[in-house]
Amino acid sequence: MQNFPVLIVKLPVTFEIVAVAFSLGFVLALLIATARIKRIPVLDQILTVFISFERGTPLLVQMLVVYYALPIVLKAFFGIDSRRWEKIIFVDLALILNQGVFLGEIFRGAILSIPKGQREAAIACGFSEFDAFVKVVLPQAVRIALPSTALTLIGLFQETSLVFMIGVIDIIGRGERAWSDDRAQP
């Protein structure tokens, strides 16, 4: 209980990480889901490999790849020096990519689960392709995707416990420090 005031100071950092990663990951997910549903030839193959990597590796490995490999790639190909960037930028980027992939697959599955006959019936009733999607398919897909999306958001809060491995001190990192300080005292 004595460490609570020390921990609560870092709570905004955790909320900032979650808000940035989830909101930008949501936008990325919409793009990924759309591209995968449309099956754009080269992009679909690139996304398949990227999704396989993101879903098949632990988040800590993804964070370390973004933290250590991205600066090398940026320097080599674009001449951008990212050594002075804040560590939280790399953490956010890794979590955005991770959330984008997982939410994108949730959205894609939810949209594809709606029978094609519903869209076709809406078009037969005079709806445009866009209106049929927005007014008929999307509301049903949202209802299907909502539980998994909420679980992904909850999981994101848990995944922020890894950010202190990169050097970003959030509530978990501060708790780790407070716990090790308490153990060090006789």
N, C-alpha and C. Protein backbone atom coordinates (compact mmCIF):
# COMPACT_ATOMS: atom_id res chain seq x y z
N MET A 1 0.83 -1.19 0.00
CA MET A 1 0.00 0.00 0.00
C MET A 1 0.87 1.27 0.00
N GLN A 2 2.06 1.16 0.56
CA GLN A 2 2.94 2.33 0.63
C GLN A 2 3.46 2.72 -0.75
N ASN A 3 3.48 1.78 -1.69
CA ASN A 3 3.99 2.07 -3.04
C ASN A 3 2.91 2.59 -3.98
N PHE A 4 1.66 2.60 -3.55
CA PHE A 4 0.57 3.02 -4.42
C PHE A 4 0.77 4.43 -4.98
N PRO A 5 1.12 5.42 -4.19
CA PRO A 5 1.34 6.77 -4.76
C PRO A 5 2.48 6.80 -5.77
N VAL A 6 3.48 5.97 -5.57
CA VAL A 6 4.60 5.92 -6.51
C VAL A 6 4.16 5.29 -7.83
N LEU A 7 3.31 4.26 -7.73
CA LEU A 7 2.85 3.56 -8.93
C LEU A 7 1.86 4.39 -9.74
N ILE A 8 0.97 5.06 -9.06
CA ILE A 8 -0.10 5.80 -9.75
C ILE A 8 0.45 6.92 -10.63
N VAL A 9 1.64 7.40 -10.33
CA VAL A 9 2.27 8.45 -11.12
C VAL A 9 2.53 7.98 -12.55
N LYS A 10 2.82 6.71 -12.73
CA LYS A 10 3.14 6.17 -14.05
C LYS A 10 1.92 5.62 -14.79
N LEU A 11 0.76 5.66 -14.17
CA LEU A 11 -0.45 5.16 -14.83
C LEU A 11 -0.77 5.90 -16.13
N PRO A 12 -0.60 7.23 -16.21
CA PRO A 12 -0.85 7.91 -17.48
C PRO A 12 0.04 7.42 -18.63
N VAL A 13 1.24 6.98 -18.33
CA VAL A 13 2.12 6.45 -19.38
C VAL A 13 1.50 5.18 -19.96
N THR A 14 0.99 4.31 -19.09
CA THR A 14 0.35 3.08 -19.55
C THR A 14 -0.87 3.41 -20.39
N PHE A 15 -1.70 4.35 -19.93
CA PHE A 15 -2.90 4.72 -20.69
C PHE A 15 -2.54 5.35 -22.03
N GLU A 16 -1.47 6.14 -22.06
CA GLU A 16 -1.03 6.75 -23.32
C GLU A 16 -0.59 5.67 -24.32
N ILE A 17 0.17 4.71 -23.86
CA ILE A 17 0.63 3.63 -24.72
C ILE A 17 -0.56 2.87 -25.28
N VAL A 18 -1.51 2.53 -24.42
CA VAL A 18 -2.69 1.78 -24.86
C VAL A 18 -3.53 2.60 -25.83
N ALA A 19 -3.75 3.87 -25.54
CA ALA A 19 -4.58 4.71 -26.41
C ALA A 19 -3.96 4.86 -27.79
N VAL A 20 -2.67 5.13 -27.85
CA VAL A 20 -1.99 5.31 -29.14
C VAL A 20 -1.98 4.00 -29.91
N ALA A 21 -1.59 2.92 -29.26
CA ALA A 21 -1.48 1.63 -29.94
C ALA A 21 -2.83 1.14 -30.43
N PHE A 22 -3.86 1.30 -29.61
CA PHE A 22 -5.17 0.79 -30.01
C PHE A 22 -5.79 1.65 -31.11
N SER A 23 -5.72 2.97 -30.98
CA SER A 23 -6.37 3.82 -31.98
C SER A 23 -5.68 3.73 -33.34
N LEU A 24 -4.35 3.82 -33.36
CA LEU A 24 -3.64 3.72 -34.64
C LEU A 24 -3.64 2.28 -35.16
N GLY A 25 -3.62 1.32 -34.26
CA GLY A 25 -3.74 -0.08 -34.66
C GLY A 25 -5.10 -0.36 -35.27
N PHE A 26 -6.13 0.31 -34.78
CA PHE A 26 -7.49 0.17 -35.32
C PHE A 26 -7.53 0.66 -36.76
N VAL A 27 -6.92 1.80 -37.02
CA VAL A 27 -6.87 2.35 -38.38
C VAL A 27 -6.09 1.41 -39.30
N LEU A 28 -4.94 0.94 -38.83
CA LEU A 28 -4.15 -0.01 -39.61
C LEU A 28 -4.94 -1.29 -39.86
N ALA A 29 -5.70 -1.73 -38.88
CA ALA A 29 -6.51 -2.94 -39.02
C ALA A 29 -7.56 -2.80 -40.11
N LEU A 30 -8.18 -1.63 -40.18
CA LEU A 30 -9.17 -1.41 -41.24
C LEU A 30 -8.52 -1.51 -42.62
N LEU A 31 -7.31 -0.95 -42.74
CA LEU A 31 -6.59 -1.03 -44.01
C LEU A 31 -6.20 -2.47 -44.34
N ILE A 32 -5.71 -3.20 -43.34
CA ILE A 32 -5.31 -4.59 -43.55
C ILE A 32 -6.51 -5.44 -43.92
N ALA A 33 -7.61 -5.28 -43.19
CA ALA A 33 -8.81 -6.08 -43.47
C ALA A 33 -9.33 -5.80 -44.88
N THR A 34 -9.35 -4.53 -45.26
CA THR A 34 -9.83 -4.17 -46.60
C THR A 34 -8.93 -4.77 -47.67
N ALA A 35 -7.63 -4.63 -47.51
CA ALA A 35 -6.69 -5.17 -48.50
C ALA A 35 -6.79 -6.69 -48.59
N ARG A 36 -6.98 -7.34 -47.45
CA ARG A 36 -7.08 -8.82 -47.48
C ARG A 36 -8.40 -9.28 -48.10
N ILE A 37 -9.46 -8.54 -47.87
CA ILE A 37 -10.75 -8.93 -48.46
C ILE A 37 -10.73 -8.69 -49.97
N LYS A 38 -10.13 -7.58 -50.39
CA LYS A 38 -10.05 -7.26 -51.83
C LYS A 38 -9.06 -8.15 -52.57
N ARG A 39 -8.14 -8.78 -51.83
CA ARG A 39 -7.13 -9.69 -52.39
C ARG A 39 -6.31 -9.03 -53.51
N ILE A 40 -5.73 -7.90 -53.20
CA ILE A 40 -4.86 -7.20 -54.14
C ILE A 40 -3.61 -8.07 -54.31
N PRO A 41 -3.27 -8.48 -55.55
CA PRO A 41 -2.28 -9.55 -55.76
C PRO A 41 -0.97 -9.44 -54.98
N VAL A 42 -0.15 -8.46 -55.20
CA VAL A 42 1.16 -8.40 -54.52
C VAL A 42 0.99 -8.02 -53.05
N LEU A 43 0.12 -7.07 -52.78
CA LEU A 43 -0.10 -6.62 -51.41
C LEU A 43 -0.63 -7.75 -50.53
N ASP A 44 -1.49 -8.60 -51.07
CA ASP A 44 -2.03 -9.71 -50.29
C ASP A 44 -0.93 -10.68 -49.89
N GLN A 45 0.02 -10.93 -50.76
CA GLN A 45 1.12 -11.83 -50.43
C GLN A 45 2.05 -11.22 -49.38
N ILE A 46 2.32 -9.92 -49.52
CA ILE A 46 3.16 -9.24 -48.53
C ILE A 46 2.47 -9.25 -47.17
N LEU A 47 1.17 -8.96 -47.16
CA LEU A 47 0.42 -8.96 -45.90
C LEU A 47 0.36 -10.34 -45.28
N THR A 48 0.26 -11.36 -46.09
CA THR A 48 0.23 -12.73 -45.57
C THR A 48 1.52 -13.05 -44.81
N VAL A 49 2.66 -12.66 -45.38
CA VAL A 49 3.95 -12.89 -44.71
C VAL A 49 4.05 -12.05 -43.44
N PHE A 50 3.66 -10.78 -43.54
CA PHE A 50 3.72 -9.88 -42.39
C PHE A 50 2.81 -10.36 -41.26
N ILE A 51 1.60 -10.77 -41.60
CA ILE A 51 0.65 -11.27 -40.59
C ILE A 51 1.19 -12.55 -39.95
N SER A 52 1.77 -13.41 -40.76
CA SER A 52 2.35 -14.64 -40.23
C SER A 52 3.47 -14.33 -39.24
N PHE A 53 4.31 -13.34 -39.56
CA PHE A 53 5.38 -12.94 -38.65
C PHE A 53 4.81 -12.38 -37.35
N GLU A 54 3.87 -11.46 -37.47
CA GLU A 54 3.31 -10.80 -36.28
C GLU A 54 2.57 -11.78 -35.38
N ARG A 55 1.85 -12.72 -35.98
CA ARG A 55 1.08 -13.67 -35.17
C ARG A 55 1.94 -14.81 -34.66
N GLY A 56 3.08 -15.04 -35.31
CA GLY A 56 3.90 -16.19 -34.96
C GLY A 56 5.09 -15.90 -34.06
N THR A 57 5.32 -14.63 -33.74
CA THR A 57 6.45 -14.30 -32.86
C THR A 57 5.93 -13.62 -31.60
N PRO A 58 6.62 -13.80 -30.51
CA PRO A 58 6.21 -13.13 -29.27
C PRO A 58 6.33 -11.61 -29.40
N LEU A 59 5.50 -10.91 -28.69
CA LEU A 59 5.50 -9.45 -28.75
C LEU A 59 6.84 -8.87 -28.32
N LEU A 60 7.49 -9.47 -27.36
CA LEU A 60 8.80 -8.97 -26.92
C LEU A 60 9.81 -9.02 -28.07
N VAL A 61 9.78 -10.09 -28.85
CA VAL A 61 10.67 -10.19 -30.00
C VAL A 61 10.35 -9.09 -31.01
N GLN A 62 9.06 -8.84 -31.23
CA GLN A 62 8.66 -7.78 -32.15
C GLN A 62 9.15 -6.42 -31.67
N MET A 63 9.04 -6.17 -30.36
CA MET A 63 9.53 -4.91 -29.81
C MET A 63 11.03 -4.76 -30.00
N LEU A 64 11.75 -5.84 -29.77
CA LEU A 64 13.20 -5.79 -29.91
C LEU A 64 13.60 -5.60 -31.37
N VAL A 65 12.87 -6.22 -32.30
CA VAL A 65 13.15 -6.03 -33.73
C VAL A 65 12.92 -4.58 -34.11
N VAL A 66 11.81 -4.01 -33.66
CA VAL A 66 11.53 -2.60 -33.98
C VAL A 66 12.56 -1.69 -33.32
N TYR A 67 12.93 -1.99 -32.09
CA TYR A 67 13.86 -1.13 -31.36
C TYR A 67 15.29 -1.19 -31.90
N TYR A 68 15.73 -2.39 -32.28
CA TYR A 68 17.12 -2.52 -32.72
C TYR A 68 17.29 -2.53 -34.25
N ALA A 69 16.36 -3.14 -34.98
CA ALA A 69 16.52 -3.28 -36.44
C ALA A 69 15.99 -2.07 -37.21
N LEU A 70 14.91 -1.48 -36.75
CA LEU A 70 14.33 -0.35 -37.48
C LEU A 70 15.31 0.82 -37.63
N PRO A 71 16.05 1.21 -36.59
CA PRO A 71 17.03 2.29 -36.79
C PRO A 71 18.07 1.98 -37.86
N ILE A 72 18.48 0.72 -37.94
CA ILE A 72 19.46 0.33 -38.96
C ILE A 72 18.86 0.47 -40.35
N VAL A 73 17.62 0.01 -40.51
CA VAL A 73 16.94 0.10 -41.81
C VAL A 73 16.70 1.56 -42.19
N LEU A 74 16.24 2.36 -41.24
CA LEU A 74 15.98 3.78 -41.51
C LEU A 74 17.26 4.50 -41.92
N LYS A 75 18.36 4.19 -41.27
CA LYS A 75 19.64 4.83 -41.57
C LYS A 75 20.16 4.37 -42.94
N ALA A 76 20.08 3.08 -43.21
CA ALA A 76 20.65 2.53 -44.44
C ALA A 76 19.87 2.94 -45.69
N PHE A 77 18.54 2.90 -45.62
CA PHE A 77 17.74 3.14 -46.82
C PHE A 77 17.23 4.57 -46.96
N PHE A 78 17.01 5.25 -45.85
CA PHE A 78 16.40 6.58 -45.92
C PHE A 78 17.28 7.68 -45.34
N GLY A 79 18.39 7.32 -44.73
CA GLY A 79 19.28 8.31 -44.15
C GLY A 79 18.72 8.98 -42.91
N ILE A 80 17.76 8.35 -42.27
CA ILE A 80 17.12 8.91 -41.08
C ILE A 80 17.84 8.39 -39.84
N ASP A 81 18.30 9.31 -39.00
CA ASP A 81 18.96 8.93 -37.76
C ASP A 81 17.92 8.93 -36.63
N SER A 82 17.59 7.75 -36.15
CA SER A 82 16.56 7.62 -35.12
C SER A 82 17.14 7.34 -33.73
N ARG A 83 18.43 7.52 -33.57
CA ARG A 83 19.05 7.23 -32.27
C ARG A 83 18.57 8.15 -31.16
N ARG A 84 18.14 9.35 -31.51
CA ARG A 84 17.70 10.31 -30.49
C ARG A 84 16.19 10.26 -30.25
N TRP A 85 15.51 9.38 -30.94
CA TRP A 85 14.06 9.25 -30.74
C TRP A 85 13.79 8.71 -29.34
N GLU A 86 12.66 9.09 -28.80
CA GLU A 86 12.22 8.56 -27.51
C GLU A 86 11.94 7.06 -27.66
N LYS A 87 12.23 6.31 -26.62
CA LYS A 87 12.00 4.86 -26.64
C LYS A 87 10.53 4.52 -26.80
N ILE A 88 9.68 5.39 -26.31
CA ILE A 88 8.25 5.12 -26.38
C ILE A 88 7.75 5.10 -27.84
N ILE A 89 8.44 5.77 -28.74
CA ILE A 89 8.06 5.74 -30.15
C ILE A 89 8.21 4.33 -30.71
N PHE A 90 9.29 3.66 -30.36
CA PHE A 90 9.53 2.30 -30.82
C PHE A 90 8.51 1.33 -30.19
N VAL A 91 8.22 1.55 -28.93
CA VAL A 91 7.22 0.72 -28.25
C VAL A 91 5.87 0.90 -28.92
N ASP A 92 5.48 2.16 -29.15
CA ASP A 92 4.20 2.43 -29.80
C ASP A 92 4.14 1.79 -31.18
N LEU A 93 5.20 1.92 -31.94
CA LEU A 93 5.22 1.36 -33.29
C LEU A 93 5.06 -0.16 -33.26
N ALA A 94 5.77 -0.82 -32.37
CA ALA A 94 5.65 -2.28 -32.27
C ALA A 94 4.23 -2.69 -31.87
N LEU A 95 3.64 -1.97 -30.93
CA LEU A 95 2.29 -2.30 -30.49
C LEU A 95 1.25 -1.95 -31.54
N ILE A 96 1.45 -0.87 -32.29
CA ILE A 96 0.53 -0.50 -33.37
C ILE A 96 0.52 -1.59 -34.43
N LEU A 97 1.69 -2.05 -34.83
CA LEU A 97 1.77 -3.12 -35.83
C LEU A 97 1.11 -4.39 -35.33
N ASN A 98 1.36 -4.73 -34.07
CA ASN A 98 0.77 -5.93 -33.49
C ASN A 98 -0.75 -5.82 -33.42
N GLN A 99 -1.24 -4.70 -32.92
CA GLN A 99 -2.68 -4.51 -32.82
C GLN A 99 -3.33 -4.46 -34.20
N GLY A 100 -2.66 -3.81 -35.14
CA GLY A 100 -3.20 -3.73 -36.50
C GLY A 100 -3.41 -5.09 -37.12
N VAL A 101 -2.46 -5.98 -36.92
CA VAL A 101 -2.57 -7.33 -37.49
C VAL A 101 -3.69 -8.11 -36.81
N PHE A 102 -3.69 -8.13 -35.49
CA PHE A 102 -4.70 -8.93 -34.80
C PHE A 102 -6.11 -8.38 -35.01
N LEU A 103 -6.27 -7.07 -34.91
CA LEU A 103 -7.59 -6.48 -35.15
C LEU A 103 -7.99 -6.63 -36.61
N GLY A 104 -7.04 -6.52 -37.53
CA GLY A 104 -7.34 -6.69 -38.95
C GLY A 104 -7.91 -8.06 -39.26
N GLU A 105 -7.34 -9.07 -38.64
CA GLU A 105 -7.86 -10.43 -38.86
C GLU A 105 -9.24 -10.61 -38.20
N ILE A 106 -9.45 -9.95 -37.06
CA ILE A 106 -10.77 -10.00 -36.42
C ILE A 106 -11.80 -9.34 -37.33
N PHE A 107 -11.47 -8.15 -37.85
CA PHE A 107 -12.41 -7.44 -38.72
C PHE A 107 -12.67 -8.21 -40.01
N ARG A 108 -11.62 -8.75 -40.59
CA ARG A 108 -11.77 -9.51 -41.84
C ARG A 108 -12.69 -10.71 -41.62
N GLY A 109 -12.46 -11.43 -40.54
CA GLY A 109 -13.30 -12.58 -40.25
C GLY A 109 -14.75 -12.20 -39.99
N ALA A 110 -14.95 -11.09 -39.30
CA ALA A 110 -16.32 -10.65 -39.00
C ALA A 110 -17.05 -10.25 -40.28
N ILE A 111 -16.37 -9.54 -41.18
CA ILE A 111 -17.00 -9.11 -42.43
C ILE A 111 -17.30 -10.31 -43.32
N LEU A 112 -16.35 -11.24 -43.40
CA LEU A 112 -16.56 -12.42 -44.25
C LEU A 112 -17.59 -13.39 -43.67
N SER A 113 -17.90 -13.26 -42.39
CA SER A 113 -18.89 -14.16 -41.79
C SER A 113 -20.33 -13.78 -42.15
N ILE A 114 -20.52 -12.58 -42.66
CA ILE A 114 -21.86 -12.15 -43.06
C ILE A 114 -22.17 -12.78 -44.43
N PRO A 115 -23.29 -13.47 -44.54
CA PRO A 115 -23.61 -14.13 -45.82
C PRO A 115 -23.69 -13.12 -46.98
N LYS A 116 -23.14 -13.52 -48.12
CA LYS A 116 -23.13 -12.64 -49.30
C LYS A 116 -24.54 -12.29 -49.75
N GLY A 117 -25.49 -13.15 -49.46
CA GLY A 117 -26.87 -12.91 -49.85
C GLY A 117 -27.45 -11.64 -49.23
N GLN A 118 -26.96 -11.26 -48.06
CA GLN A 118 -27.46 -10.04 -47.42
C GLN A 118 -27.04 -8.80 -48.20
N ARG A 119 -25.80 -8.78 -48.63
CA ARG A 119 -25.31 -7.66 -49.45
C ARG A 119 -26.04 -7.64 -50.80
N GLU A 120 -26.19 -8.80 -51.39
CA GLU A 120 -26.86 -8.90 -52.69
C GLU A 120 -28.32 -8.47 -52.58
N ALA A 121 -28.98 -8.84 -51.49
CA ALA A 121 -30.37 -8.44 -51.29
C ALA A 121 -30.49 -6.93 -51.14
N ALA A 122 -29.54 -6.32 -50.45
CA ALA A 122 -29.55 -4.87 -50.27
C ALA A 122 -29.35 -4.18 -51.62
N ILE A 123 -28.46 -4.69 -52.43
CA ILE A 123 -28.24 -4.12 -53.76
C ILE A 123 -29.49 -4.29 -54.63
N ALA A 124 -30.15 -5.44 -54.52
CA ALA A 124 -31.38 -5.69 -55.27
C ALA A 124 -32.49 -4.73 -54.84
N CYS A 125 -32.44 -4.27 -53.60
CA CYS A 125 -33.44 -3.32 -53.10
C CYS A 125 -33.10 -1.88 -53.47
N GLY A 126 -32.00 -1.65 -54.18
CA GLY A 126 -31.67 -0.31 -54.63
C GLY A 126 -30.51 0.35 -53.91
N PHE A 127 -29.90 -0.33 -52.96
CA PHE A 127 -28.74 0.23 -52.27
C PHE A 127 -27.53 0.22 -53.21
N SER A 128 -26.66 1.20 -53.04
CA SER A 128 -25.39 1.15 -53.76
C SER A 128 -24.49 0.14 -53.06
N GLU A 129 -23.39 -0.22 -53.69
CA GLU A 129 -22.43 -1.15 -53.09
C GLU A 129 -21.96 -0.64 -51.73
N PHE A 130 -21.63 0.66 -51.66
CA PHE A 130 -21.16 1.27 -50.42
C PHE A 130 -22.25 1.28 -49.36
N ASP A 131 -23.48 1.69 -49.74
CA ASP A 131 -24.58 1.72 -48.78
C ASP A 131 -24.93 0.32 -48.27
N ALA A 132 -24.87 -0.66 -49.14
CA ALA A 132 -25.14 -2.03 -48.73
C ALA A 132 -24.13 -2.48 -47.68
N PHE A 133 -22.88 -2.08 -47.88
CA PHE A 133 -21.86 -2.45 -46.90
C PHE A 133 -22.07 -1.72 -45.59
N VAL A 134 -22.26 -0.40 -45.67
CA VAL A 134 -22.35 0.42 -44.45
C VAL A 134 -23.63 0.16 -43.68
N LYS A 135 -24.74 -0.04 -44.36
CA LYS A 135 -26.04 -0.15 -43.67
C LYS A 135 -26.49 -1.58 -43.38
N VAL A 136 -25.91 -2.55 -44.07
CA VAL A 136 -26.36 -3.93 -43.87
C VAL A 136 -25.23 -4.81 -43.30
N VAL A 137 -24.10 -4.83 -43.98
CA VAL A 137 -23.01 -5.74 -43.59
C VAL A 137 -22.29 -5.24 -42.34
N LEU A 138 -21.90 -3.97 -42.34
CA LEU A 138 -21.09 -3.43 -41.25
C LEU A 138 -21.74 -3.53 -39.87
N PRO A 139 -23.02 -3.19 -39.71
CA PRO A 139 -23.61 -3.33 -38.36
C PRO A 139 -23.56 -4.76 -37.81
N GLN A 140 -23.76 -5.72 -38.70
CA GLN A 140 -23.70 -7.11 -38.25
C GLN A 140 -22.26 -7.53 -37.95
N ALA A 141 -21.34 -7.06 -38.77
CA ALA A 141 -19.93 -7.39 -38.56
C ALA A 141 -19.41 -6.77 -37.26
N VAL A 142 -19.85 -5.56 -36.94
CA VAL A 142 -19.43 -4.91 -35.70
C VAL A 142 -19.88 -5.74 -34.50
N ARG A 143 -21.11 -6.23 -34.56
CA ARG A 143 -21.62 -7.05 -33.47
C ARG A 143 -20.81 -8.33 -33.29
N ILE A 144 -20.35 -8.88 -34.38
CA ILE A 144 -19.54 -10.11 -34.31
C ILE A 144 -18.13 -9.80 -33.81
N ALA A 145 -17.56 -8.68 -34.26
CA ALA A 145 -16.16 -8.35 -33.93
C ALA A 145 -16.00 -7.73 -32.55
N LEU A 146 -17.05 -7.18 -31.98
CA LEU A 146 -16.93 -6.44 -30.73
C LEU A 146 -16.34 -7.24 -29.57
N PRO A 147 -16.80 -8.47 -29.30
CA PRO A 147 -16.20 -9.20 -28.16
C PRO A 147 -14.70 -9.44 -28.33
N SER A 148 -14.28 -9.84 -29.51
CA SER A 148 -12.85 -10.10 -29.74
C SER A 148 -12.04 -8.81 -29.69
N THR A 149 -12.63 -7.73 -30.16
CA THR A 149 -11.95 -6.44 -30.11
C THR A 149 -11.75 -5.99 -28.67
N ALA A 150 -12.77 -6.19 -27.84
CA ALA A 150 -12.67 -5.83 -26.42
C ALA A 150 -11.60 -6.69 -25.73
N LEU A 151 -11.55 -7.97 -26.05
CA LEU A 151 -10.52 -8.83 -25.46
C LEU A 151 -9.12 -8.42 -25.90
N THR A 152 -9.00 -7.97 -27.14
CA THR A 152 -7.71 -7.49 -27.63
C THR A 152 -7.28 -6.23 -26.88
N LEU A 153 -8.22 -5.35 -26.60
CA LEU A 153 -7.92 -4.14 -25.83
C LEU A 153 -7.46 -4.50 -24.41
N ILE A 154 -8.15 -5.44 -23.79
CA ILE A 154 -7.74 -5.87 -22.45
C ILE A 154 -6.35 -6.50 -22.50
N GLY A 155 -6.11 -7.31 -23.53
CA GLY A 155 -4.79 -7.92 -23.69
C GLY A 155 -3.70 -6.90 -23.90
N LEU A 156 -4.04 -5.79 -24.55
CA LEU A 156 -3.07 -4.72 -24.77
C LEU A 156 -2.62 -4.12 -23.44
N PHE A 157 -3.53 -3.96 -22.50
CA PHE A 157 -3.14 -3.48 -21.17
C PHE A 157 -2.13 -4.45 -20.54
N GLN A 158 -2.36 -5.73 -20.71
CA GLN A 158 -1.44 -6.72 -20.16
C GLN A 158 -0.10 -6.68 -20.88
N GLU A 159 -0.13 -6.48 -22.19
CA GLU A 159 1.10 -6.48 -22.97
C GLU A 159 2.00 -5.27 -22.67
N THR A 160 1.42 -4.22 -22.12
CA THR A 160 2.26 -3.07 -21.78
C THR A 160 3.27 -3.41 -20.68
N SER A 161 3.07 -4.54 -20.03
CA SER A 161 4.05 -4.95 -19.01
C SER A 161 5.42 -5.23 -19.62
N LEU A 162 5.48 -5.42 -20.93
CA LEU A 162 6.76 -5.70 -21.60
C LEU A 162 7.55 -4.45 -21.95
N VAL A 163 6.92 -3.28 -21.90
CA VAL A 163 7.61 -2.08 -22.39
C VAL A 163 8.80 -1.69 -21.53
N PHE A 164 8.83 -2.10 -20.27
CA PHE A 164 9.98 -1.74 -19.44
C PHE A 164 11.23 -2.49 -19.87
N MET A 165 11.07 -3.56 -20.67
CA MET A 165 12.24 -4.28 -21.20
C MET A 165 13.01 -3.42 -22.20
N ILE A 166 12.31 -2.46 -22.83
CA ILE A 166 12.95 -1.55 -23.78
C ILE A 166 13.49 -0.33 -23.04
N GLY A 167 12.98 -0.07 -21.85
CA GLY A 167 13.45 1.07 -21.07
C GLY A 167 12.40 2.12 -20.83
N VAL A 168 11.15 1.85 -21.21
CA VAL A 168 10.04 2.77 -20.95
C VAL A 168 9.46 2.40 -19.60
N ILE A 169 9.40 3.36 -18.72
CA ILE A 169 8.91 3.09 -17.37
C ILE A 169 7.43 3.45 -17.30
N ASP A 170 6.59 2.43 -17.29
CA ASP A 170 5.16 2.63 -17.09
C ASP A 170 4.82 2.13 -15.69
N ILE A 171 3.59 1.83 -15.42
CA ILE A 171 3.20 1.43 -14.07
C ILE A 171 3.84 0.09 -13.68
N ILE A 172 3.99 -0.82 -14.63
CA ILE A 172 4.60 -2.11 -14.32
C ILE A 172 6.10 -1.94 -14.07
N GLY A 173 6.74 -1.15 -14.90
CA GLY A 173 8.17 -0.90 -14.71
C GLY A 173 8.44 -0.21 -13.39
N ARG A 174 7.58 0.73 -13.02
CA ARG A 174 7.74 1.43 -11.74
C ARG A 174 7.50 0.47 -10.58
N GLY A 175 6.53 -0.43 -10.75
CA GLY A 175 6.27 -1.44 -9.72
C GLY A 175 7.44 -2.38 -9.55
N GLU A 176 8.07 -2.75 -10.65
CA GLU A 176 9.26 -3.61 -10.60
C GLU A 176 10.38 -2.92 -9.83
N ARG A 177 10.57 -1.64 -10.10
CA ARG A 177 11.60 -0.88 -9.37
C ARG A 177 11.28 -0.78 -7.89
N ALA A 178 10.02 -0.49 -7.57
CA ALA A 178 9.63 -0.36 -6.17
C ALA A 178 9.80 -1.71 -5.45
N TRP A 179 9.45 -2.79 -6.12
CA TRP A 179 9.57 -4.11 -5.53
C TRP A 179 11.04 -4.46 -5.28
N SER A 180 11.90 -4.17 -6.28
CA SER A 180 13.34 -4.48 -6.08
C SER A 180 13.95 -3.57 -5.03
N ASP A 181 13.48 -2.31 -4.92
CA ASP A 181 13.97 -1.41 -3.88
C ASP A 181 13.58 -1.92 -2.49
N ASP A 182 12.33 -2.42 -2.37
CA ASP A 182 11.87 -2.96 -1.08
C ASP A 182 12.68 -4.20 -0.68
N ARG A 183 13.03 -5.02 -1.64
CA ARG A 183 13.80 -6.24 -1.34
C ARG A 183 15.22 -5.91 -0.96
N ALA A 184 15.76 -4.81 -1.51
CA ALA A 184 17.14 -4.44 -1.24
C ALA A 184 17.33 -3.89 0.18
N GLN A 185 16.25 -3.34 0.75
CA GLN A 185 16.35 -2.78 2.09
C GLN A 185 16.32 -3.92 3.13
N PRO A 186 17.19 -3.82 4.15
CA PRO A 186 17.24 -4.88 5.17
C PRO A 186 16.04 -4.85 6.09
